[in-house]
């Protein structure tokens, strides 16, 4: 390449480097009132750094104080005002958060991204304050500006769930499925399954059993671990007189989630009573016990079933076996007491019971949310605190005799 040919190339290279330098300068500076202002001045302030440190360590009052000082260094520092508004909201100062974010919306020359993010924060303010309609409007406006904003879609879905607007929640979750990657598919399918189940319950509440069945079946097809859909599908079929179909639905739950088979016990017992085949319930319980030696619920169900039929001595043996597996379960103790009363408080049996229960801890069987640790006596499918789906597990406490003491 001769000198004449190389000159245009060198000129282009110089122009590119000059453009990069100008771009970096523009990233840091902006023109305001005829003067160049350093955009990073507020963020480089020690107040900003201190504020973030206090925020991370959950010292909210100190964080607000330092971030406010950082914001005064440069009133145009948008991100600091956004953080301040969000901190006020989490602090419970919703009116103050709304005021901060609404003031930001009045700024001139906001970019589309900035406008959408401020609206998102404002929607969260309204949601926290209980202004549902205004929150819905804010999130919908974000989606109008940015249809792929997954945060706005997610918050909008949660709002619809809280209002039991299941069709809208399902529609939005479907949009999220289309926007998300393959790594989130299992979770999305699980949520869609539970939303289908809620749509089925909604249809059932207005007497539309056919539509309810379709939703329950769709829930299971969407996600095979949608436990309540099996229960509800069986219930609908049972009401319609389809006993075989009801049993098939509940069998599906037992096969898929044997640890939750106990949810079907009362249903199956009622079904076999109607078929005049109560022995089939005993066979089912025996099968579950054989498959899992620690299944105290199957033993409890068997004991209650036998006690109801006057087989009190046999019932006591099953209940005592259930007690050994779950000595802190109050329901087991209650069943034992009822049988002992029917057996006229036989002294030897009472003594056996006392020995088995000596190290027991008495309380109602608890369930705990694995996401936020909300506790519930009943097994819930959606946490009323964090709104997570299918997050409850039964918390077990070991008998005192199995506990070890650290020396």
Protein backbone atom coordinates (compact mmCIF):
# COMPACT_ATOMS: atom_id res chain seq x y z
CA UNK A 1 0.00 0.00 0.00
CA UNK A 2 1.55 3.38 -1.07
CA UNK A 3 1.30 6.63 0.83
CA UNK A 4 -1.58 7.97 -1.29
CA UNK A 5 -3.68 4.87 -0.65
CA UNK A 6 -2.97 4.88 3.07
CA UNK A 7 -4.14 8.42 3.74
CA UNK A 8 -7.93 7.69 3.52
CA UNK A 9 -7.45 4.67 5.79
CA UNK A 10 -5.55 6.73 8.37
CA UNK A 11 -8.17 9.46 8.18
CA UNK A 12 -10.96 6.95 8.83
CA UNK A 13 -9.05 5.48 11.77
CA UNK A 14 -8.48 8.90 13.30
CA UNK A 15 -12.16 9.73 12.82
CA UNK A 16 -13.19 6.48 14.57
CA UNK A 17 -10.88 7.13 17.52
CA UNK A 18 -12.09 10.69 17.78
CA UNK A 19 -15.71 9.45 17.77
CA UNK A 20 -14.97 7.02 20.58
CA UNK A 21 -13.32 9.74 22.62
CA UNK A 22 -16.27 12.10 22.10
CA UNK A 23 -18.68 9.30 23.02
CA UNK A 24 -16.87 8.59 26.28
CA UNK A 25 -16.86 12.31 27.05
CA UNK A 26 -20.62 12.54 26.34
CA UNK A 27 -21.20 9.55 28.62
CA UNK A 28 -19.63 11.53 31.46
CA UNK A 29 -20.67 15.11 30.63
CA UNK A 30 -23.79 16.92 29.42
CA UNK A 31 -24.62 20.51 28.55
CA UNK A 32 -26.86 22.29 31.04
CA UNK A 33 -27.64 26.00 31.03
CA UNK A 34 -24.78 26.58 28.62
CA UNK A 35 -22.24 24.77 30.85
CA UNK A 36 -20.70 21.34 30.65
CA UNK A 37 -21.62 19.36 33.78
CA UNK A 38 -20.00 16.15 35.02
CA UNK A 39 -22.77 13.49 35.05
CA UNK A 40 -20.77 11.20 37.34
CA UNK A 41 -20.27 13.84 40.00
CA UNK A 42 -23.16 12.64 42.14
CA UNK A 43 -22.28 9.00 41.73
CA UNK A 44 -18.65 9.69 42.59
CA UNK A 45 -19.75 11.45 45.76
CA UNK A 46 -18.84 9.67 48.98
CA UNK A 47 -22.47 10.26 50.08
CA UNK A 48 -23.66 8.05 47.22
CA UNK A 49 -21.27 5.25 48.16
CA UNK A 50 -22.14 5.55 51.84
CA UNK A 51 -25.85 5.50 51.00
CA UNK A 52 -25.50 2.27 49.04
CA UNK A 53 -23.48 0.70 51.85
CA UNK A 54 -26.11 1.64 54.41
CA UNK A 55 -28.81 0.30 52.08
CA UNK A 56 -27.06 -3.06 51.75
CA UNK A 57 -26.67 -3.29 55.53
CA UNK A 58 -30.39 -2.46 55.95
CA UNK A 59 -29.74 0.83 57.76
CA UNK A 60 -32.54 2.55 55.89
CA UNK A 61 -32.62 5.89 57.72
CA UNK A 62 -28.90 6.46 57.21
CA UNK A 63 -29.20 5.33 53.58
CA UNK A 64 -31.94 7.89 52.91
CA UNK A 65 -29.87 10.63 54.57
CA UNK A 66 -26.71 9.95 52.55
CA UNK A 67 -28.53 9.41 49.23
CA UNK A 68 -30.41 12.68 49.75
CA UNK A 69 -27.10 14.46 50.20
CA UNK A 70 -25.75 12.81 47.05
CA UNK A 71 -28.84 13.93 45.13
CA UNK A 72 -28.26 17.54 46.22
CA UNK A 73 -24.79 17.42 44.62
CA UNK A 74 -26.53 17.11 41.25
CA UNK A 75 -30.29 17.46 41.15
CA UNK A 76 -30.32 15.85 37.69
CA UNK A 77 -28.94 12.54 38.99
CA UNK A 78 -31.96 10.51 37.91
CA UNK A 79 -30.80 7.15 39.22
CA UNK A 80 -30.26 8.48 42.75
CA UNK A 81 -33.76 9.93 42.91
CA UNK A 82 -35.17 6.63 41.64
CA UNK A 83 -33.34 4.75 44.39
CA UNK A 84 -34.57 7.23 46.99
CA UNK A 85 -38.16 6.79 45.86
CA UNK A 86 -37.85 3.01 45.98
CA UNK A 87 -36.32 3.14 49.46
CA UNK A 88 -39.17 5.34 50.68
CA UNK A 89 -41.65 2.77 49.32
CA UNK A 90 -39.96 -0.16 51.02
CA UNK A 91 -39.86 1.91 54.18
CA UNK A 92 -43.64 2.17 53.99
CA UNK A 93 -43.56 5.89 53.08
CA UNK A 94 -45.70 5.31 50.00
CA UNK A 95 -46.93 8.91 49.62
CA UNK A 96 -43.35 10.16 49.64
CA UNK A 97 -42.30 7.53 47.08
CA UNK A 98 -45.19 8.50 44.79
CA UNK A 99 -44.24 12.17 45.12
CA UNK A 100 -40.60 11.48 44.19
CA UNK A 101 -41.43 9.33 41.17
CA UNK A 102 -44.18 11.62 39.88
CA UNK A 103 -41.75 14.54 40.04
CA UNK A 104 -39.28 12.57 37.94
CA UNK A 105 -41.94 12.00 35.29
CA UNK A 106 -42.20 15.78 34.86
CA UNK A 107 -38.62 16.09 33.73
CA UNK A 108 -38.00 17.17 30.16
CA UNK A 109 -36.18 15.06 27.60
CA UNK A 110 -36.54 11.73 29.39
CA UNK A 111 -35.52 8.82 27.24
CA UNK A 112 -38.08 6.11 26.51
CA UNK A 113 -36.20 3.70 28.78
CA UNK A 114 -36.06 6.23 31.62
CA UNK A 115 -39.76 7.05 31.25
CA UNK A 116 -40.71 3.37 31.31
CA UNK A 117 -38.58 2.65 34.37
CA UNK A 118 -40.00 5.58 36.34
CA UNK A 119 -43.52 4.41 35.47
CA UNK A 120 -42.61 0.91 36.66
CA UNK A 121 -41.44 2.29 40.01
CA UNK A 122 -44.59 4.40 40.26
CA UNK A 123 -46.71 1.33 39.58
CA UNK A 124 -44.97 -0.46 42.46
CA UNK A 125 -45.70 2.57 44.67
CA UNK A 126 -49.40 2.41 43.81
CA UNK A 127 -49.44 -1.37 44.34
CA UNK A 128 -47.83 -1.01 47.78
CA UNK A 129 -50.33 1.70 48.68
CA UNK A 130 -53.32 -0.40 47.62
CA UNK A 131 -54.20 1.81 44.64
CA UNK A 132 -54.90 -1.15 42.37
CA UNK A 133 -56.46 0.70 39.43
CA UNK A 134 -53.61 3.22 39.29
CA UNK A 135 -51.04 0.44 39.54
CA UNK A 136 -52.71 -1.43 36.69
CA UNK A 137 -52.71 1.73 34.59
CA UNK A 138 -49.01 2.37 35.27
CA UNK A 139 -47.92 -1.18 34.41
CA UNK A 140 -50.08 -1.23 31.28
CA UNK A 141 -48.51 2.04 30.16
CA UNK A 142 -45.04 0.54 30.62
CA UNK A 143 -46.07 -2.42 28.46
CA UNK A 144 -47.52 -0.05 25.84
CA UNK A 145 -44.15 1.71 25.67
CA UNK A 146 -42.13 -1.51 25.91
CA UNK A 147 -44.15 -4.67 25.10
CA UNK A 148 -41.20 -6.89 26.07
CA UNK A 149 -40.76 -5.46 29.58
CA UNK A 150 -40.90 -8.66 31.61
CA UNK A 151 -40.85 -6.87 34.96
CA UNK A 152 -44.00 -4.91 34.14
CA UNK A 153 -45.68 -8.06 32.84
CA UNK A 154 -44.76 -9.97 35.99
CA UNK A 155 -46.08 -7.28 38.35
CA UNK A 156 -49.22 -6.98 36.24
CA UNK A 157 -49.77 -10.73 36.48
CA UNK A 158 -49.40 -10.64 40.27
CA UNK A 159 -51.92 -7.82 40.50
CA UNK A 160 -54.44 -9.83 38.48
CA UNK A 161 -53.79 -12.88 40.69
CA UNK A 162 -54.41 -10.83 43.83
CA UNK A 163 -57.72 -9.68 42.34
CA UNK A 164 -58.56 -13.29 41.31
CA UNK A 165 -58.67 -12.18 37.67
CA UNK A 166 -57.37 -15.54 36.52
CA UNK A 167 -58.00 -15.17 32.78
CA UNK A 168 -55.94 -11.96 32.66
CA UNK A 169 -53.21 -13.52 34.78
CA UNK A 170 -53.09 -16.55 32.47
CA UNK A 171 -52.92 -14.31 29.36
CA UNK A 172 -49.98 -12.35 30.75
CA UNK A 173 -48.13 -15.46 31.90
CA UNK A 174 -48.49 -16.78 28.34
CA UNK A 175 -46.82 -13.59 27.11
CA UNK A 176 -44.00 -14.13 29.60
CA UNK A 177 -43.55 -17.68 28.33
CA UNK A 178 -43.09 -16.34 24.81
CA UNK A 179 -40.49 -13.83 26.02
CA UNK A 180 -38.50 -16.09 28.33
CA UNK A 181 -35.77 -18.56 27.56
CA UNK A 182 -35.79 -22.36 27.86
CA UNK A 183 -34.25 -22.24 31.35
CA UNK A 184 -37.46 -20.74 32.76
CA UNK A 185 -39.85 -23.08 30.96
CA UNK A 186 -40.40 -25.54 33.86
CA UNK A 187 -41.38 -22.72 36.22
CA UNK A 188 -43.62 -21.10 33.61
CA UNK A 189 -45.37 -24.38 32.92
CA UNK A 190 -45.94 -24.91 36.64
CA UNK A 191 -47.50 -21.46 37.05
CA UNK A 192 -49.67 -21.91 33.96
CA UNK A 193 -50.86 -25.21 35.42
CA UNK A 194 -51.98 -23.55 38.65
CA UNK A 195 -53.65 -20.71 36.74
CA UNK A 196 -55.55 -23.27 34.64
CA UNK A 197 -56.65 -24.89 37.90
CA UNK A 198 -57.94 -21.55 39.20
CA UNK A 199 -59.85 -21.01 35.95
CA UNK A 200 -61.43 -24.43 36.48
CA UNK A 201 -62.47 -23.51 40.03
CA UNK A 202 -63.92 -20.26 38.71
CA UNK A 203 -65.97 -22.17 36.13
CA UNK A 204 -67.11 -24.63 38.77
CA UNK A 205 -68.28 -21.79 41.03
CA UNK A 206 -70.79 -20.74 38.36
CA UNK A 207 -71.92 -24.31 37.69
CA UNK A 208 -70.09 -24.82 34.39
CA UNK A 209 -68.77 -28.31 35.07
CA UNK A 210 -67.81 -29.02 31.47
CA UNK A 211 -65.57 -25.97 31.23
CA UNK A 212 -64.20 -26.70 34.69
CA UNK A 213 -63.19 -30.22 33.63
CA UNK A 214 -61.44 -28.87 30.54
CA UNK A 215 -59.41 -26.44 32.61
CA UNK A 216 -58.46 -29.09 35.19
CA UNK A 217 -57.37 -31.47 32.44
CA UNK A 218 -55.43 -28.65 30.73
CA UNK A 219 -53.69 -27.91 34.04
CA UNK A 220 -52.47 -31.51 34.32
CA UNK A 221 -51.40 -31.58 30.67
CA UNK A 222 -49.53 -28.30 31.18
CA UNK A 223 -47.75 -29.51 34.33
CA UNK A 224 -48.19 -32.99 35.75
CA UNK A 225 -47.33 -31.79 39.28
CA UNK A 226 -50.38 -29.51 39.52
CA UNK A 227 -51.69 -31.43 42.52
CA UNK A 228 -55.00 -29.57 43.12
CA UNK A 229 -56.06 -30.13 39.51
CA UNK A 230 -56.18 -33.92 40.10
CA UNK A 231 -58.28 -33.40 43.23
CA UNK A 232 -60.68 -30.98 41.55
CA UNK A 233 -61.00 -33.08 38.39
CA UNK A 234 -61.92 -36.10 40.51
CA UNK A 235 -64.41 -34.02 42.50
CA UNK A 236 -66.21 -32.87 39.35
CA UNK A 237 -66.38 -36.39 37.98
CA UNK A 238 -67.65 -37.70 41.31
CA UNK A 239 -70.43 -35.10 41.37
CA UNK A 240 -71.39 -36.11 37.84
CA UNK A 241 -71.59 -39.76 38.88
CA UNK A 242 -68.46 -40.81 36.98
CA UNK A 243 -66.97 -42.81 39.84
CA UNK A 244 -64.46 -44.61 37.67
CA UNK A 245 -63.24 -41.32 36.22
CA UNK A 246 -62.99 -39.81 39.69
CA UNK A 247 -60.90 -42.72 40.93
CA UNK A 248 -58.65 -42.42 37.86
CA UNK A 249 -58.01 -38.73 38.60
CA UNK A 250 -57.12 -39.37 42.23
CA UNK A 251 -55.02 -42.37 41.22
CA UNK A 252 -53.10 -40.00 38.94
CA UNK A 253 -52.25 -37.81 41.93
CA UNK A 254 -51.08 -40.78 44.03
CA UNK A 255 -48.91 -42.07 41.20
CA UNK A 256 -47.38 -38.66 40.55
CA UNK A 257 -47.00 -37.41 44.13
CA UNK A 258 -47.30 -40.31 46.61
CA UNK A 259 -46.23 -38.01 49.46
CA UNK A 260 -49.52 -36.14 48.94
CA UNK A 261 -51.69 -39.21 48.59
CA UNK A 262 -53.35 -38.33 51.91
CA UNK A 263 -55.24 -35.54 50.15
CA UNK A 264 -57.29 -38.22 48.38
CA UNK A 265 -58.06 -40.40 51.42
CA UNK A 266 -61.44 -38.94 52.41
CA UNK A 267 -62.46 -38.78 48.76
CA UNK A 268 -61.52 -42.38 48.05
CA UNK A 269 -63.14 -43.61 51.24
CA UNK A 270 -66.38 -41.89 50.26
CA UNK A 271 -66.14 -43.32 46.73
CA UNK A 272 -65.62 -46.90 47.94
CA UNK A 273 -68.49 -46.51 50.40
CA UNK A 274 -70.74 -45.55 47.50
CA UNK A 275 -69.50 -48.60 45.58
CA UNK A 276 -70.13 -50.76 48.69
CA UNK A 277 -66.47 -51.84 48.54
CA UNK A 278 -64.88 -50.43 51.73
CA UNK A 279 -62.24 -53.17 51.69
CA UNK A 280 -60.66 -51.46 48.67
CA UNK A 281 -59.74 -48.47 50.83
CA UNK A 282 -57.96 -50.76 53.29
CA UNK A 283 -56.10 -52.38 50.40
CA UNK A 284 -55.03 -48.98 49.11
CA UNK A 285 -53.73 -47.86 52.51
CA UNK A 286 -51.87 -51.15 52.96
CA UNK A 287 -50.21 -50.65 49.58
CA UNK A 288 -49.06 -47.15 50.48
CA UNK A 289 -47.67 -48.33 53.83
CA UNK A 290 -45.78 -51.14 52.12
CA UNK A 291 -44.28 -48.64 49.67
CA UNK A 292 -43.25 -46.19 52.40
CA UNK A 293 -42.63 -47.45 55.92
CA UNK A 294 -42.73 -43.87 57.25
CA UNK A 295 -46.16 -43.04 55.83
CA UNK A 296 -47.94 -42.12 59.05
CA UNK A 297 -50.90 -40.57 57.25
CA UNK A 298 -51.83 -43.87 55.57
CA UNK A 299 -51.66 -45.59 58.97
CA UNK A 300 -53.80 -42.83 60.49
CA UNK A 301 -56.36 -43.20 57.71
CA UNK A 302 -56.40 -46.97 58.14
CA UNK A 303 -56.85 -46.63 61.91
CA UNK A 304 -59.74 -44.21 61.55
CA UNK A 305 -61.34 -46.38 58.88
CA UNK A 306 -61.19 -49.49 61.08
CA UNK A 307 -62.40 -47.62 64.18
CA UNK A 308 -65.44 -46.43 62.23
CA UNK A 309 -66.24 -50.07 61.54
CA UNK A 310 -65.85 -51.23 65.13
CA UNK A 311 -62.43 -52.82 64.65
CA UNK A 312 -61.03 -50.85 67.56
CA UNK A 313 -58.20 -53.20 68.55
CA UNK A 314 -56.85 -53.32 64.98
CA UNK A 315 -57.33 -49.57 64.69
CA UNK A 316 -55.24 -48.99 67.81
CA UNK A 317 -52.28 -50.91 66.35
CA UNK A 318 -52.28 -48.83 63.17
CA UNK A 319 -52.64 -45.59 65.15
CA UNK A 320 -49.81 -46.51 67.48
CA UNK A 321 -47.62 -47.24 64.44
CA UNK A 322 -48.56 -43.82 63.04
CA UNK A 323 -47.63 -42.24 66.37
CA UNK A 324 -44.19 -43.83 66.26
CA UNK A 325 -43.56 -42.22 62.86
CA UNK A 326 -45.03 -38.85 63.77
CA UNK A 327 -45.13 -38.39 67.56
CA UNK A 328 -45.77 -34.63 67.33
CA UNK A 329 -48.93 -34.92 65.19
CA UNK A 330 -51.89 -33.83 67.27
CA UNK A 331 -54.34 -35.47 64.86
CA UNK A 332 -52.74 -38.85 65.57
CA UNK A 333 -53.07 -38.39 69.33
CA UNK A 334 -56.72 -37.38 68.97
CA UNK A 335 -57.46 -40.53 66.98
CA UNK A 336 -55.71 -42.66 69.63
CA UNK A 337 -57.71 -41.02 72.43
CA UNK A 338 -60.98 -41.73 70.64
CA UNK A 339 -60.09 -45.40 70.22
CA UNK A 340 -58.91 -45.74 73.84
CA UNK A 341 -62.22 -44.32 75.04
CA UNK A 342 -64.07 -46.87 72.92
CA UNK A 343 -61.87 -49.59 74.46
CA UNK A 344 -62.84 -48.39 77.96
CA UNK A 345 -59.31 -47.07 78.56
CA UNK A 346 -57.77 -50.52 78.68
CA UNK A 347 -54.88 -50.12 81.13
CA UNK A 348 -52.31 -52.04 79.10
CA UNK A 349 -53.16 -50.13 75.92
CA UNK A 350 -53.07 -46.80 77.72
CA UNK A 351 -49.63 -47.67 79.09
CA UNK A 352 -48.39 -48.50 75.59
CA UNK A 353 -49.70 -45.19 74.36
CA UNK A 354 -48.05 -43.25 77.18
CA UNK A 355 -44.70 -44.87 76.47
CA UNK A 356 -44.96 -44.10 72.76
CA UNK A 357 -46.00 -40.49 73.37
CA UNK A 358 -43.61 -39.70 76.24
CA UNK A 359 -41.22 -37.65 74.07
CA UNK A 360 -43.85 -36.09 71.83
CA UNK A 361 -44.17 -32.42 70.98
CA UNK A 362 -47.79 -31.33 70.56
CA UNK A 363 -48.83 -28.87 67.87
CA UNK A 364 -50.91 -28.79 64.72
CA UNK A 365 -49.17 -30.13 61.62
CA UNK A 366 -47.47 -27.02 60.19
CA UNK A 367 -46.72 -26.15 56.59
CA UNK A 368 -44.11 -23.55 55.70
CA UNK A 369 -43.44 -21.59 52.50
CA UNK A 370 -39.95 -22.36 51.23
CA UNK A 371 -39.67 -18.88 49.70
CA UNK A 372 -40.72 -16.51 52.51
CA UNK A 373 -41.23 -18.91 55.49
CA UNK A 374 -44.91 -18.00 55.90
CA UNK A 375 -46.55 -20.65 58.09
CA UNK A 376 -49.93 -22.25 57.64
CA UNK A 377 -51.84 -25.08 59.30
CA UNK A 378 -53.26 -26.09 55.92
CA UNK A 379 -51.40 -27.01 52.73
CA UNK A 380 -51.81 -23.99 50.43
CA UNK A 381 -51.15 -23.92 46.70
CA UNK A 382 -50.26 -20.22 46.57
CA UNK A 383 -48.55 -18.38 49.41
CA UNK A 384 -50.76 -15.48 50.62
CA UNK A 385 -47.63 -13.56 51.64
CA UNK A 386 -45.18 -13.81 48.71
CA UNK A 387 -47.74 -15.20 46.18
CA UNK A 388 -45.39 -18.00 45.10
CA UNK A 389 -47.09 -21.09 43.64
CA UNK A 390 -46.65 -24.60 45.08
CA UNK A 391 -44.04 -23.49 47.64
CA UNK A 392 -45.43 -25.12 50.82
CA UNK A 393 -43.85 -28.15 52.42
CA UNK A 394 -44.69 -29.91 55.64
CA UNK A 395 -42.16 -29.18 58.33
CA UNK A 396 -41.29 -32.20 60.43
CA UNK A 397 -39.79 -32.18 63.91
CA UNK A 398 -37.87 -35.25 65.01
CA UNK A 399 -38.96 -37.01 68.21
CA UNK A 400 -36.97 -35.94 71.25
CA UNK A 401 -35.42 -39.38 71.56
CA UNK A 402 -33.82 -38.91 68.12
CA UNK A 403 -32.39 -35.46 68.92
CA UNK A 404 -28.71 -35.09 69.65
CA UNK A 405 -27.18 -32.61 72.04
CA UNK A 406 -24.00 -30.77 71.03
CA UNK A 407 -21.49 -30.69 73.81
